[in-house]
Amino acid sequence: PLHLEVINESYMHNVPKGSETHFKVIVVSDAFGSKAALQRHRMVNHTLEEEVQKKGVHALSIVAKTPDQWQESIQKVEPSPNCRGGFGK
């Protein structure tokens, strides 16, 4: 990737303090080329598959852009929506 961010968003959810279960991954790569969003997400999910399974990640938000799209977005990503539930609900 030309740019990679992993953001722990667990604090925004109904989880125990210090949890690491909800993440947003921002990936910018030439490898995404003309691929559709679903194909890009599959690429990221495949790369993180082992990590997600071992660590018990509950939610993974993926932002996958080409370098041109990243520049056009002024290198900003929309914030995640508020939590609509959680463990035990």
N, C-alpha and C. Protein backbone atom coordinates (compact mmCIF):
# COMPACT_ATOMS: atom_id res chain seq x y z
N PRO A 1 0.83 -1.21 0.00
CA PRO A 1 0.00 0.00 0.00
C PRO A 1 0.86 1.27 0.00
N LEU A 2 0.34 2.30 -0.63
CA LEU A 2 1.00 3.60 -0.59
C LEU A 2 0.63 4.35 0.68
N HIS A 3 -0.52 3.99 1.24
CA HIS A 3 -0.98 4.58 2.50
C HIS A 3 -1.80 3.51 3.21
N LEU A 4 -1.60 3.39 4.52
CA LEU A 4 -2.33 2.40 5.32
C LEU A 4 -2.58 2.98 6.70
N GLU A 5 -3.83 2.93 7.11
CA GLU A 5 -4.20 3.32 8.48
C GLU A 5 -5.10 2.24 9.05
N VAL A 6 -4.87 1.90 10.29
CA VAL A 6 -5.74 0.99 11.02
C VAL A 6 -6.22 1.76 12.24
N ILE A 7 -7.53 1.95 12.32
CA ILE A 7 -8.11 2.76 13.39
C ILE A 7 -8.99 1.87 14.27
N ASN A 8 -8.68 1.84 15.56
CA ASN A 8 -9.50 1.08 16.50
C ASN A 8 -10.72 1.93 16.86
N GLU A 9 -11.89 1.49 16.42
CA GLU A 9 -13.13 2.22 16.70
C GLU A 9 -13.97 1.55 17.78
N SER A 10 -13.36 0.65 18.53
CA SER A 10 -14.09 -0.09 19.56
C SER A 10 -14.71 0.83 20.60
N TYR A 11 -14.05 1.93 20.91
CA TYR A 11 -14.56 2.86 21.93
C TYR A 11 -15.93 3.42 21.55
N MET A 12 -16.30 3.33 20.28
CA MET A 12 -17.58 3.87 19.81
C MET A 12 -18.72 2.87 19.98
N HIS A 13 -18.42 1.71 20.56
CA HIS A 13 -19.39 0.63 20.64
C HIS A 13 -19.56 0.16 22.08
N ASN A 14 -20.59 -0.63 22.30
CA ASN A 14 -20.91 -1.15 23.61
C ASN A 14 -20.06 -2.39 23.88
N VAL A 15 -18.78 -2.15 24.17
CA VAL A 15 -17.83 -3.23 24.43
C VAL A 15 -17.05 -2.88 25.70
N PRO A 16 -16.42 -3.87 26.32
CA PRO A 16 -15.61 -3.57 27.51
C PRO A 16 -14.48 -2.60 27.19
N LYS A 17 -14.14 -1.77 28.17
CA LYS A 17 -13.06 -0.81 28.00
C LYS A 17 -11.78 -1.54 27.59
N GLY A 18 -11.05 -0.95 26.65
CA GLY A 18 -9.81 -1.53 26.17
C GLY A 18 -9.99 -2.59 25.09
N SER A 19 -11.23 -2.78 24.64
CA SER A 19 -11.50 -3.79 23.60
C SER A 19 -10.85 -3.41 22.28
N GLU A 20 -10.57 -4.43 21.51
CA GLU A 20 -10.04 -4.26 20.16
C GLU A 20 -10.85 -5.17 19.25
N THR A 21 -12.08 -4.75 18.98
CA THR A 21 -13.01 -5.59 18.22
C THR A 21 -13.60 -4.91 16.99
N HIS A 22 -13.50 -3.60 16.92
CA HIS A 22 -14.09 -2.83 15.81
C HIS A 22 -13.01 -1.95 15.19
N PHE A 23 -12.76 -2.15 13.90
CA PHE A 23 -11.68 -1.42 13.24
C PHE A 23 -12.11 -0.82 11.92
N LYS A 24 -11.44 0.26 11.54
CA LYS A 24 -11.54 0.82 10.20
C LYS A 24 -10.14 0.74 9.60
N VAL A 25 -10.07 0.21 8.38
CA VAL A 25 -8.81 0.10 7.66
C VAL A 25 -8.91 0.99 6.42
N ILE A 26 -7.94 1.87 6.28
CA ILE A 26 -7.86 2.73 5.10
C ILE A 26 -6.63 2.29 4.32
N VAL A 27 -6.85 1.86 3.08
CA VAL A 27 -5.76 1.34 2.25
C VAL A 27 -5.79 2.07 0.91
N VAL A 28 -4.63 2.59 0.53
CA VAL A 28 -4.46 3.22 -0.78
C VAL A 28 -3.41 2.42 -1.53
N SER A 29 -3.79 1.92 -2.72
CA SER A 29 -2.85 1.07 -3.45
C SER A 29 -3.12 1.12 -4.95
N ASP A 30 -2.04 1.06 -5.71
CA ASP A 30 -2.16 0.93 -7.17
C ASP A 30 -2.80 -0.41 -7.54
N ALA A 31 -2.70 -1.39 -6.67
CA ALA A 31 -3.24 -2.72 -6.95
C ALA A 31 -4.75 -2.71 -7.14
N PHE A 32 -5.42 -1.69 -6.63
CA PHE A 32 -6.87 -1.63 -6.78
C PHE A 32 -7.29 -1.24 -8.19
N GLY A 33 -6.43 -0.52 -8.89
CA GLY A 33 -6.66 -0.16 -10.29
C GLY A 33 -8.11 0.12 -10.61
N SER A 34 -8.65 -0.62 -11.57
CA SER A 34 -10.04 -0.40 -11.99
C SER A 34 -11.00 -1.40 -11.33
N LYS A 35 -10.55 -2.05 -10.28
CA LYS A 35 -11.40 -3.03 -9.59
C LYS A 35 -12.58 -2.34 -8.89
N ALA A 36 -13.71 -3.03 -8.86
CA ALA A 36 -14.90 -2.55 -8.17
C ALA A 36 -14.65 -2.59 -6.66
N ALA A 37 -15.47 -1.84 -5.92
CA ALA A 37 -15.33 -1.77 -4.46
C ALA A 37 -15.38 -3.16 -3.82
N LEU A 38 -16.28 -4.01 -4.27
CA LEU A 38 -16.39 -5.35 -3.70
C LEU A 38 -15.10 -6.14 -3.89
N GLN A 39 -14.50 -6.05 -5.07
CA GLN A 39 -13.23 -6.75 -5.32
C GLN A 39 -12.12 -6.21 -4.42
N ARG A 40 -12.09 -4.91 -4.23
CA ARG A 40 -11.08 -4.30 -3.35
C ARG A 40 -11.25 -4.80 -1.92
N HIS A 41 -12.49 -4.82 -1.45
CA HIS A 41 -12.76 -5.27 -0.09
C HIS A 41 -12.37 -6.73 0.08
N ARG A 42 -12.62 -7.53 -0.93
CA ARG A 42 -12.22 -8.93 -0.86
C ARG A 42 -10.71 -9.06 -0.77
N MET A 43 -9.99 -8.23 -1.51
CA MET A 43 -8.52 -8.26 -1.44
C MET A 43 -8.04 -7.94 -0.03
N VAL A 44 -8.61 -6.91 0.58
CA VAL A 44 -8.22 -6.51 1.93
C VAL A 44 -8.62 -7.60 2.93
N ASN A 45 -9.84 -8.10 2.81
CA ASN A 45 -10.30 -9.17 3.71
C ASN A 45 -9.41 -10.40 3.61
N HIS A 46 -9.02 -10.76 2.41
CA HIS A 46 -8.15 -11.92 2.23
C HIS A 46 -6.80 -11.70 2.91
N THR A 47 -6.26 -10.50 2.77
CA THR A 47 -4.97 -10.18 3.39
C THR A 47 -5.05 -10.25 4.91
N LEU A 48 -6.18 -9.83 5.46
CA LEU A 48 -6.33 -9.76 6.92
C LEU A 48 -7.03 -10.98 7.51
N GLU A 49 -7.36 -11.96 6.69
CA GLU A 49 -8.17 -13.10 7.12
C GLU A 49 -7.65 -13.77 8.39
N GLU A 50 -6.39 -14.12 8.41
CA GLU A 50 -5.83 -14.82 9.57
C GLU A 50 -5.87 -13.93 10.82
N GLU A 51 -5.50 -12.68 10.68
CA GLU A 51 -5.50 -11.75 11.81
C GLU A 51 -6.90 -11.57 12.38
N VAL A 52 -7.87 -11.42 11.51
CA VAL A 52 -9.26 -11.21 11.94
C VAL A 52 -9.77 -12.44 12.68
N GLN A 53 -9.49 -13.62 12.17
CA GLN A 53 -9.98 -14.84 12.81
C GLN A 53 -9.32 -15.08 14.17
N LYS A 54 -8.03 -14.85 14.27
CA LYS A 54 -7.30 -15.09 15.52
C LYS A 54 -7.69 -14.10 16.61
N LYS A 55 -7.89 -12.85 16.23
CA LYS A 55 -8.11 -11.80 17.22
C LYS A 55 -9.57 -11.57 17.54
N GLY A 56 -10.49 -12.22 16.84
CA GLY A 56 -11.91 -12.07 17.15
C GLY A 56 -12.46 -10.70 16.81
N VAL A 57 -12.07 -10.18 15.67
CA VAL A 57 -12.58 -8.88 15.23
C VAL A 57 -14.07 -9.02 14.93
N HIS A 58 -14.86 -8.15 15.50
CA HIS A 58 -16.31 -8.19 15.33
C HIS A 58 -16.74 -7.39 14.10
N ALA A 59 -16.08 -6.27 13.85
CA ALA A 59 -16.47 -5.40 12.73
C ALA A 59 -15.23 -4.81 12.08
N LEU A 60 -15.25 -4.80 10.74
CA LEU A 60 -14.13 -4.26 9.98
C LEU A 60 -14.69 -3.38 8.88
N SER A 61 -14.44 -2.10 8.98
CA SER A 61 -14.84 -1.14 7.95
C SER A 61 -13.63 -0.93 7.04
N ILE A 62 -13.85 -1.03 5.73
CA ILE A 62 -12.74 -0.93 4.78
C ILE A 62 -12.95 0.25 3.84
N VAL A 63 -11.93 1.09 3.75
CA VAL A 63 -11.88 2.16 2.74
C VAL A 63 -10.70 1.81 1.86
N ALA A 64 -10.97 1.46 0.60
CA ALA A 64 -9.93 1.01 -0.32
C ALA A 64 -9.96 1.91 -1.56
N LYS A 65 -8.90 2.69 -1.73
CA LYS A 65 -8.85 3.67 -2.82
C LYS A 65 -7.58 3.54 -3.64
N THR A 66 -7.67 4.00 -4.88
CA THR A 66 -6.48 4.14 -5.70
C THR A 66 -5.80 5.44 -5.28
N PRO A 67 -4.54 5.62 -5.65
CA PRO A 67 -3.86 6.88 -5.31
C PRO A 67 -4.60 8.11 -5.84
N ASP A 68 -5.14 8.04 -7.06
CA ASP A 68 -5.87 9.18 -7.62
C ASP A 68 -7.13 9.47 -6.80
N GLN A 69 -7.86 8.44 -6.41
CA GLN A 69 -9.06 8.64 -5.59
C GLN A 69 -8.70 9.23 -4.23
N TRP A 70 -7.58 8.80 -3.68
CA TRP A 70 -7.12 9.31 -2.38
C TRP A 70 -6.82 10.80 -2.48
N GLN A 71 -6.16 11.21 -3.55
CA GLN A 71 -5.86 12.63 -3.75
C GLN A 71 -7.14 13.43 -3.96
N GLU A 72 -8.08 12.88 -4.74
CA GLU A 72 -9.35 13.57 -5.00
C GLU A 72 -10.17 13.75 -3.72
N SER A 73 -10.04 12.83 -2.79
CA SER A 73 -10.80 12.91 -1.54
C SER A 73 -10.12 13.82 -0.52
N ILE A 74 -9.05 14.47 -0.94
CA ILE A 74 -8.25 15.35 -0.08
C ILE A 74 -7.74 14.57 1.12
N GLN A 75 -7.51 13.28 0.91
CA GLN A 75 -6.96 12.39 1.91
C GLN A 75 -7.76 12.40 3.20
N LYS A 76 -9.09 12.43 3.04
CA LYS A 76 -9.99 12.39 4.20
C LYS A 76 -11.01 11.29 4.00
N VAL A 77 -11.47 10.73 5.11
CA VAL A 77 -12.44 9.65 5.10
C VAL A 77 -13.59 10.04 6.01
N GLU A 78 -14.80 9.72 5.58
CA GLU A 78 -15.98 10.00 6.39
C GLU A 78 -15.90 9.24 7.72
N PRO A 79 -16.36 9.86 8.80
CA PRO A 79 -16.36 9.14 10.08
C PRO A 79 -17.36 7.98 10.03
N SER A 80 -17.12 6.98 10.83
CA SER A 80 -18.04 5.84 10.92
C SER A 80 -19.33 6.27 11.59
N PRO A 81 -20.43 5.60 11.27
CA PRO A 81 -21.71 5.93 11.91
C PRO A 81 -21.70 5.55 13.39
N ASN A 82 -22.62 6.13 14.13
CA ASN A 82 -22.76 5.78 15.54
C ASN A 82 -23.16 4.32 15.68
N CYS A 83 -22.78 3.73 16.79
CA CYS A 83 -23.10 2.35 17.08
C CYS A 83 -24.61 2.18 17.19
N ARG A 84 -25.12 1.08 16.63
CA ARG A 84 -26.55 0.80 16.69
C ARG A 84 -26.85 -0.43 17.51
N GLY A 85 -25.93 -0.85 18.33
CA GLY A 85 -26.12 -2.05 19.13
C GLY A 85 -24.84 -2.40 19.84
N GLY A 86 -24.71 -3.65 20.17
CA GLY A 86 -23.48 -4.08 20.83
C GLY A 86 -23.65 -5.44 21.46
N PHE A 87 -22.63 -5.85 22.18
CA PHE A 87 -22.69 -7.14 22.84
C PHE A 87 -23.82 -7.15 23.87
N GLY A 88 -24.56 -8.23 23.92
CA GLY A 88 -25.61 -8.38 24.91
C GLY A 88 -26.90 -7.69 24.54
N LYS A 89 -26.99 -7.16 23.35
CA LYS A 89 -28.24 -6.49 22.93
C LYS A 89 -28.93 -7.29 21.88
